[in-house]
Amino acid sequence: MHSKYSKHFSLLLASACLFNMPAHANISIFPVKLFISGDKGQRSTTTHLISSSDEKSKSYEVSVFRWTQDASGQDVLTPDTELMVNPQSFVLEADTRRMIRMGFTQPVSAMQLKEEAAWRVVFNPLPDAEKAQGVRFAYGFNIPLFAGNGFQPDMSFKLTKNAQHEPVLLAKNAGTAHFQIAEFTVQNTTGKTLYSSNELKYVLPHKQAQFNLKNFTVPAGTPLKLVTKTPDSRTLSFDIVEEQ
């Protein structure tokens, strides 16, 4: 990844945890998670930015990045032109709705994907939109887009310790589609919650993510399970393997 993008966009991704909430106080975006499956020739999709009557006029520039993860689960964003966006820049006036279309010039089937592919579509406010209002902080935001069909995640969870001997949970995806964790609990066999988290993370295909379990203690050998909900509100339960 180009080093000049790494620091900036790691901050952007860190600020994108509230995917089901307004992009900031007076702007909402819907949907906040996009798919281009390729079914029936589909090669494009849309999202909408909606501003409130209290919002000031802002100019935005849209950038596209191919999204992968490194061995430790850190996001890696690389500038990309395969996914096209229209418009690439626009002005969002108060109390208006703006449609943004994203798509590929070729069918998804022609991409010959072996696993689900992922992008981040980044909306950056342009500074000249703020000059008339004096010094203000303009928020950027981004949304994920996934391409492909028929792929499935395959998750496993391991309780281990980091270099500082603090408990961490490793979430490994051996499947071919992403897995989204927005919140989870660690429970014992009676269903008692021993730890809960609202941290949002995506685990891309054949990657893993790490959750720091601050102040979590449990006797060695205690059977544990992770319980989480999918974006469509299905409850999933996974056994947690303890590293010996």
Protein backbone atom coordinates (compact mmCIF):
# COMPACT_ATOMS: atom_id res chain seq x y z
CA MET A 1 0.00 0.00 0.00
CA HIS A 2 1.20 3.51 -0.75
CA SER A 3 2.48 4.92 2.54
CA LYS A 4 0.87 8.33 2.03
CA TYR A 5 -2.56 6.70 2.14
CA SER A 6 -1.97 4.38 5.07
CA LYS A 7 -2.15 6.77 8.01
CA HIS A 8 -4.95 8.94 6.68
CA PHE A 9 -7.27 6.12 5.78
CA SER A 10 -6.63 4.08 8.89
CA LEU A 11 -8.13 7.07 10.69
CA LEU A 12 -11.02 7.14 8.26
CA LEU A 13 -11.76 3.48 8.84
CA ALA A 14 -11.51 3.88 12.58
CA SER A 15 -14.14 6.63 12.43
CA ALA A 16 -16.48 4.50 10.33
CA CYS A 17 -17.69 2.26 13.13
CA LEU A 18 -21.20 3.75 13.25
CA PHE A 19 -22.27 2.39 9.90
CA ASN A 20 -25.95 2.36 10.79
CA MET A 21 -25.99 5.97 11.92
CA PRO A 22 -25.72 9.36 10.16
CA ALA A 23 -22.39 10.02 8.49
CA HIS A 24 -22.26 13.01 10.80
CA ALA A 25 -24.76 15.18 12.64
CA ASN A 26 -26.74 16.49 9.65
CA ILE A 27 -25.97 14.00 6.85
CA SER A 28 -27.26 10.44 6.53
CA ILE A 29 -26.25 7.80 4.01
CA PHE A 30 -28.31 4.80 2.91
CA PRO A 31 -27.59 2.02 2.35
CA VAL A 32 -24.37 1.91 4.32
CA LYS A 33 -23.18 -1.43 2.95
CA LEU A 34 -23.26 -2.18 -0.77
CA PHE A 35 -23.26 -5.38 -2.82
CA ILE A 36 -22.84 -6.09 -6.50
CA SER A 37 -23.60 -9.79 -6.81
CA GLY A 38 -23.62 -10.06 -10.61
CA ASP A 39 -26.98 -11.86 -10.53
CA LYS A 40 -29.05 -11.31 -13.68
CA GLY A 41 -26.24 -9.22 -15.13
CA GLN A 42 -26.10 -6.74 -12.25
CA ARG A 43 -22.93 -4.70 -12.41
CA SER A 44 -23.86 -1.52 -10.50
CA THR A 45 -25.57 -0.27 -7.36
CA THR A 46 -26.43 3.04 -5.70
CA THR A 47 -26.31 4.80 -2.37
CA HIS A 48 -27.95 8.07 -1.28
CA LEU A 49 -26.64 10.97 0.76
CA ILE A 50 -29.38 12.91 2.55
CA SER A 51 -28.76 16.30 4.16
CA SER A 52 -30.96 17.96 6.73
CA SER A 53 -32.34 21.48 6.48
CA ASP A 54 -29.73 22.55 9.05
CA GLU A 55 -26.80 21.38 6.96
CA LYS A 56 -24.56 23.84 5.15
CA SER A 57 -23.71 23.39 1.48
CA LYS A 58 -20.67 21.12 1.09
CA SER A 59 -18.61 19.91 -1.85
CA TYR A 60 -17.44 16.30 -1.82
CA GLU A 61 -14.93 14.29 -3.78
CA VAL A 62 -15.37 10.52 -4.07
CA SER A 63 -12.39 8.15 -4.12
CA VAL A 64 -12.33 4.37 -4.59
CA PHE A 65 -9.92 1.98 -2.88
CA ARG A 66 -9.52 -1.77 -3.21
CA TRP A 67 -9.80 -3.15 0.32
CA THR A 68 -7.73 -6.02 1.66
CA GLN A 69 -6.26 -6.90 5.05
CA ASP A 70 -2.78 -7.89 6.12
CA ALA A 71 -1.83 -10.94 8.18
CA SER A 72 -2.66 -9.15 11.43
CA GLY A 73 -6.07 -8.01 10.23
CA GLN A 74 -5.16 -4.38 9.61
CA ASP A 75 -6.98 -2.78 6.69
CA VAL A 76 -5.00 -2.08 3.53
CA LEU A 77 -6.44 0.39 1.01
CA THR A 78 -5.07 0.72 -2.51
CA PRO A 79 -6.30 3.33 -5.04
CA ASP A 80 -8.42 1.56 -7.64
CA THR A 81 -10.08 2.32 -10.98
CA GLU A 82 -11.87 -0.99 -11.58
CA LEU A 83 -14.91 0.22 -9.63
CA MET A 84 -16.34 3.33 -11.28
CA VAL A 85 -18.22 6.06 -9.39
CA ASN A 86 -20.59 8.68 -10.76
CA PRO A 87 -20.44 11.52 -9.90
CA GLN A 88 -16.87 11.70 -8.70
CA SER A 89 -17.50 15.11 -7.15
CA PHE A 90 -20.67 16.94 -6.21
CA VAL A 91 -22.22 19.63 -4.05
CA LEU A 92 -24.65 18.55 -1.36
CA GLU A 93 -27.08 21.35 -0.61
CA ALA A 94 -29.22 21.66 2.52
CA ASP A 95 -32.33 19.48 2.66
CA THR A 96 -31.49 17.50 -0.48
CA ARG A 97 -30.82 13.92 -1.55
CA ARG A 98 -27.94 12.95 -3.81
CA MET A 99 -27.68 9.55 -5.52
CA ILE A 100 -24.21 8.07 -6.08
CA ARG A 101 -23.88 5.19 -8.54
CA MET A 102 -21.04 2.66 -8.45
CA GLY A 103 -20.37 -0.13 -10.91
CA PHE A 104 -18.06 -2.12 -13.14
CA THR A 105 -17.56 -1.83 -16.88
CA GLN A 106 -17.47 -5.62 -17.17
CA PRO A 107 -19.85 -8.27 -15.78
CA VAL A 108 -18.94 -9.65 -12.37
CA SER A 109 -18.78 -13.12 -13.93
CA ALA A 110 -15.97 -11.93 -16.22
CA MET A 111 -13.90 -11.00 -13.16
CA GLN A 112 -13.48 -14.73 -12.37
CA LEU A 113 -13.48 -14.14 -8.64
CA LYS A 114 -12.24 -16.96 -6.41
CA GLU A 115 -13.55 -15.15 -3.34
CA GLU A 116 -15.60 -12.07 -2.56
CA ALA A 117 -13.83 -8.83 -3.52
CA ALA A 118 -14.07 -5.69 -1.40
CA TRP A 119 -13.75 -1.93 -1.88
CA ARG A 120 -14.06 1.20 0.24
CA VAL A 121 -15.81 4.20 -1.29
CA VAL A 122 -14.53 7.32 0.45
CA PHE A 123 -16.36 10.67 0.58
CA ASN A 124 -13.99 13.54 1.33
CA PRO A 125 -15.30 17.09 1.87
CA LEU A 126 -13.44 19.70 -0.16
CA PRO A 127 -12.05 22.57 1.92
CA ASP A 128 -13.37 25.36 -0.31
CA ALA A 129 -16.90 24.46 0.77
CA GLU A 130 -16.08 25.71 4.27
CA LYS A 131 -14.45 29.05 3.52
CA ALA A 132 -17.62 31.09 3.69
CA GLN A 133 -18.39 29.66 7.10
CA GLY A 134 -14.99 30.39 8.65
CA VAL A 135 -12.94 27.66 10.30
CA ARG A 136 -14.97 24.48 10.71
CA PHE A 137 -14.12 20.80 10.82
CA ALA A 138 -15.52 18.88 7.85
CA TYR A 139 -16.08 15.16 8.30
CA GLY A 140 -15.22 12.51 5.75
CA PHE A 141 -16.77 9.07 5.73
CA ASN A 142 -16.65 5.85 3.77
CA ILE A 143 -18.76 2.80 2.99
CA PRO A 144 -17.85 -0.78 2.04
CA LEU A 145 -18.79 -2.44 -1.22
CA PHE A 146 -18.57 -6.19 -1.87
CA ALA A 147 -18.66 -7.98 -5.22
CA GLY A 148 -19.38 -11.62 -6.03
CA ASN A 149 -22.02 -14.24 -5.35
CA GLY A 150 -22.21 -17.69 -3.82
CA PHE A 151 -19.39 -17.11 -1.34
CA GLN A 152 -19.70 -17.89 2.39
CA PRO A 153 -17.65 -17.04 5.51
CA ASP A 154 -16.26 -19.81 7.72
CA MET A 155 -15.48 -18.46 11.17
CA SER A 156 -13.56 -19.84 14.14
CA PHE A 157 -12.56 -18.13 17.39
CA LYS A 158 -9.56 -18.67 19.64
CA LEU A 159 -8.79 -17.25 23.07
CA THR A 160 -5.09 -16.48 23.42
CA LYS A 161 -2.73 -13.82 24.81
CA ASN A 162 -0.75 -11.06 23.15
CA ALA A 163 2.89 -10.16 23.72
CA GLN A 164 1.92 -8.31 26.91
CA HIS A 165 0.16 -11.48 28.18
CA GLU A 166 -3.23 -9.79 27.92
CA PRO A 167 -6.24 -11.84 26.76
CA VAL A 168 -7.20 -11.45 23.10
CA LEU A 169 -9.79 -13.12 20.92
CA LEU A 170 -8.67 -14.14 17.44
CA ALA A 171 -11.46 -14.29 14.84
CA LYS A 172 -10.32 -16.29 11.82
CA ASN A 173 -12.24 -16.46 8.55
CA ALA A 174 -11.35 -19.53 6.49
CA GLY A 175 -14.22 -18.85 4.08
CA THR A 176 -14.63 -16.96 0.82
CA ALA A 177 -16.90 -14.08 1.98
CA HIS A 178 -16.53 -11.38 4.62
CA PHE A 179 -17.91 -11.67 8.14
CA GLN A 180 -19.13 -8.61 10.03
CA ILE A 181 -18.93 -8.43 13.81
CA ALA A 182 -20.77 -5.41 15.20
CA GLU A 183 -21.19 -6.66 18.75
CA PHE A 184 -20.65 -9.90 20.62
CA THR A 185 -20.71 -11.53 24.03
CA VAL A 186 -18.52 -14.24 25.51
CA GLN A 187 -20.67 -16.66 27.49
CA ASN A 188 -20.19 -19.80 29.54
CA THR A 189 -22.16 -23.00 29.01
CA THR A 190 -25.07 -21.74 31.16
CA GLY A 191 -25.47 -18.66 28.97
CA LYS A 192 -24.03 -16.22 31.49
CA THR A 193 -22.32 -13.25 29.81
CA LEU A 194 -18.71 -12.95 30.94
CA TYR A 195 -17.66 -10.25 28.48
CA SER A 196 -19.42 -7.99 25.99
CA SER A 197 -18.16 -5.78 23.17
CA ASN A 198 -19.70 -3.29 20.73
CA GLU A 199 -16.58 -3.08 18.57
CA LEU A 200 -17.25 -3.24 14.83
CA LYS A 201 -14.87 -5.22 12.65
CA TYR A 202 -14.96 -6.89 9.27
CA VAL A 203 -13.00 -10.09 8.71
CA LEU A 204 -12.32 -10.47 5.00
CA PRO A 205 -11.93 -13.90 3.31
CA HIS A 206 -8.94 -15.91 4.55
CA LYS A 207 -8.04 -13.18 7.06
CA GLN A 208 -8.27 -12.75 10.80
CA ALA A 209 -9.07 -9.99 13.28
CA GLN A 210 -8.08 -9.49 16.88
CA PHE A 211 -10.21 -8.24 19.76
CA ASN A 212 -8.53 -7.15 22.98
CA LEU A 213 -10.52 -8.50 25.93
CA LYS A 214 -9.65 -5.90 28.55
CA ASN A 215 -9.85 -7.15 32.14
CA PHE A 216 -11.25 -10.51 31.02
CA THR A 217 -10.34 -13.37 33.33
CA VAL A 218 -11.62 -16.91 33.41
CA PRO A 219 -10.22 -20.13 34.86
CA ALA A 220 -8.20 -22.14 32.36
CA GLY A 221 -10.24 -24.82 30.62
CA THR A 222 -13.58 -23.05 31.07
CA PRO A 223 -15.85 -23.87 28.09
CA LEU A 224 -16.75 -20.64 26.31
CA LYS A 225 -18.83 -19.56 23.35
CA LEU A 226 -19.11 -16.37 21.36
CA VAL A 227 -22.60 -15.10 20.58
CA THR A 228 -23.15 -12.42 17.95
CA LYS A 229 -25.86 -11.10 15.65
CA THR A 230 -25.64 -10.79 11.89
CA PRO A 231 -26.67 -7.57 10.09
CA ASP A 232 -30.04 -9.22 9.38
CA SER A 233 -30.51 -9.89 13.14
CA ARG A 234 -29.81 -13.64 13.13
CA THR A 235 -28.12 -14.87 16.30
CA LEU A 236 -25.01 -17.01 15.78
CA SER A 237 -23.06 -18.98 18.37
CA PHE A 238 -19.48 -20.27 18.05
CA ASP A 239 -17.36 -22.37 20.38
CA ILE A 240 -14.20 -20.60 21.53
CA VAL A 241 -11.02 -22.67 21.53
CA GLU A 242 -8.53 -21.83 24.26
CA GLU A 243 -4.91 -21.83 23.17
CA GLN A 244 -2.88 -24.12 25.38
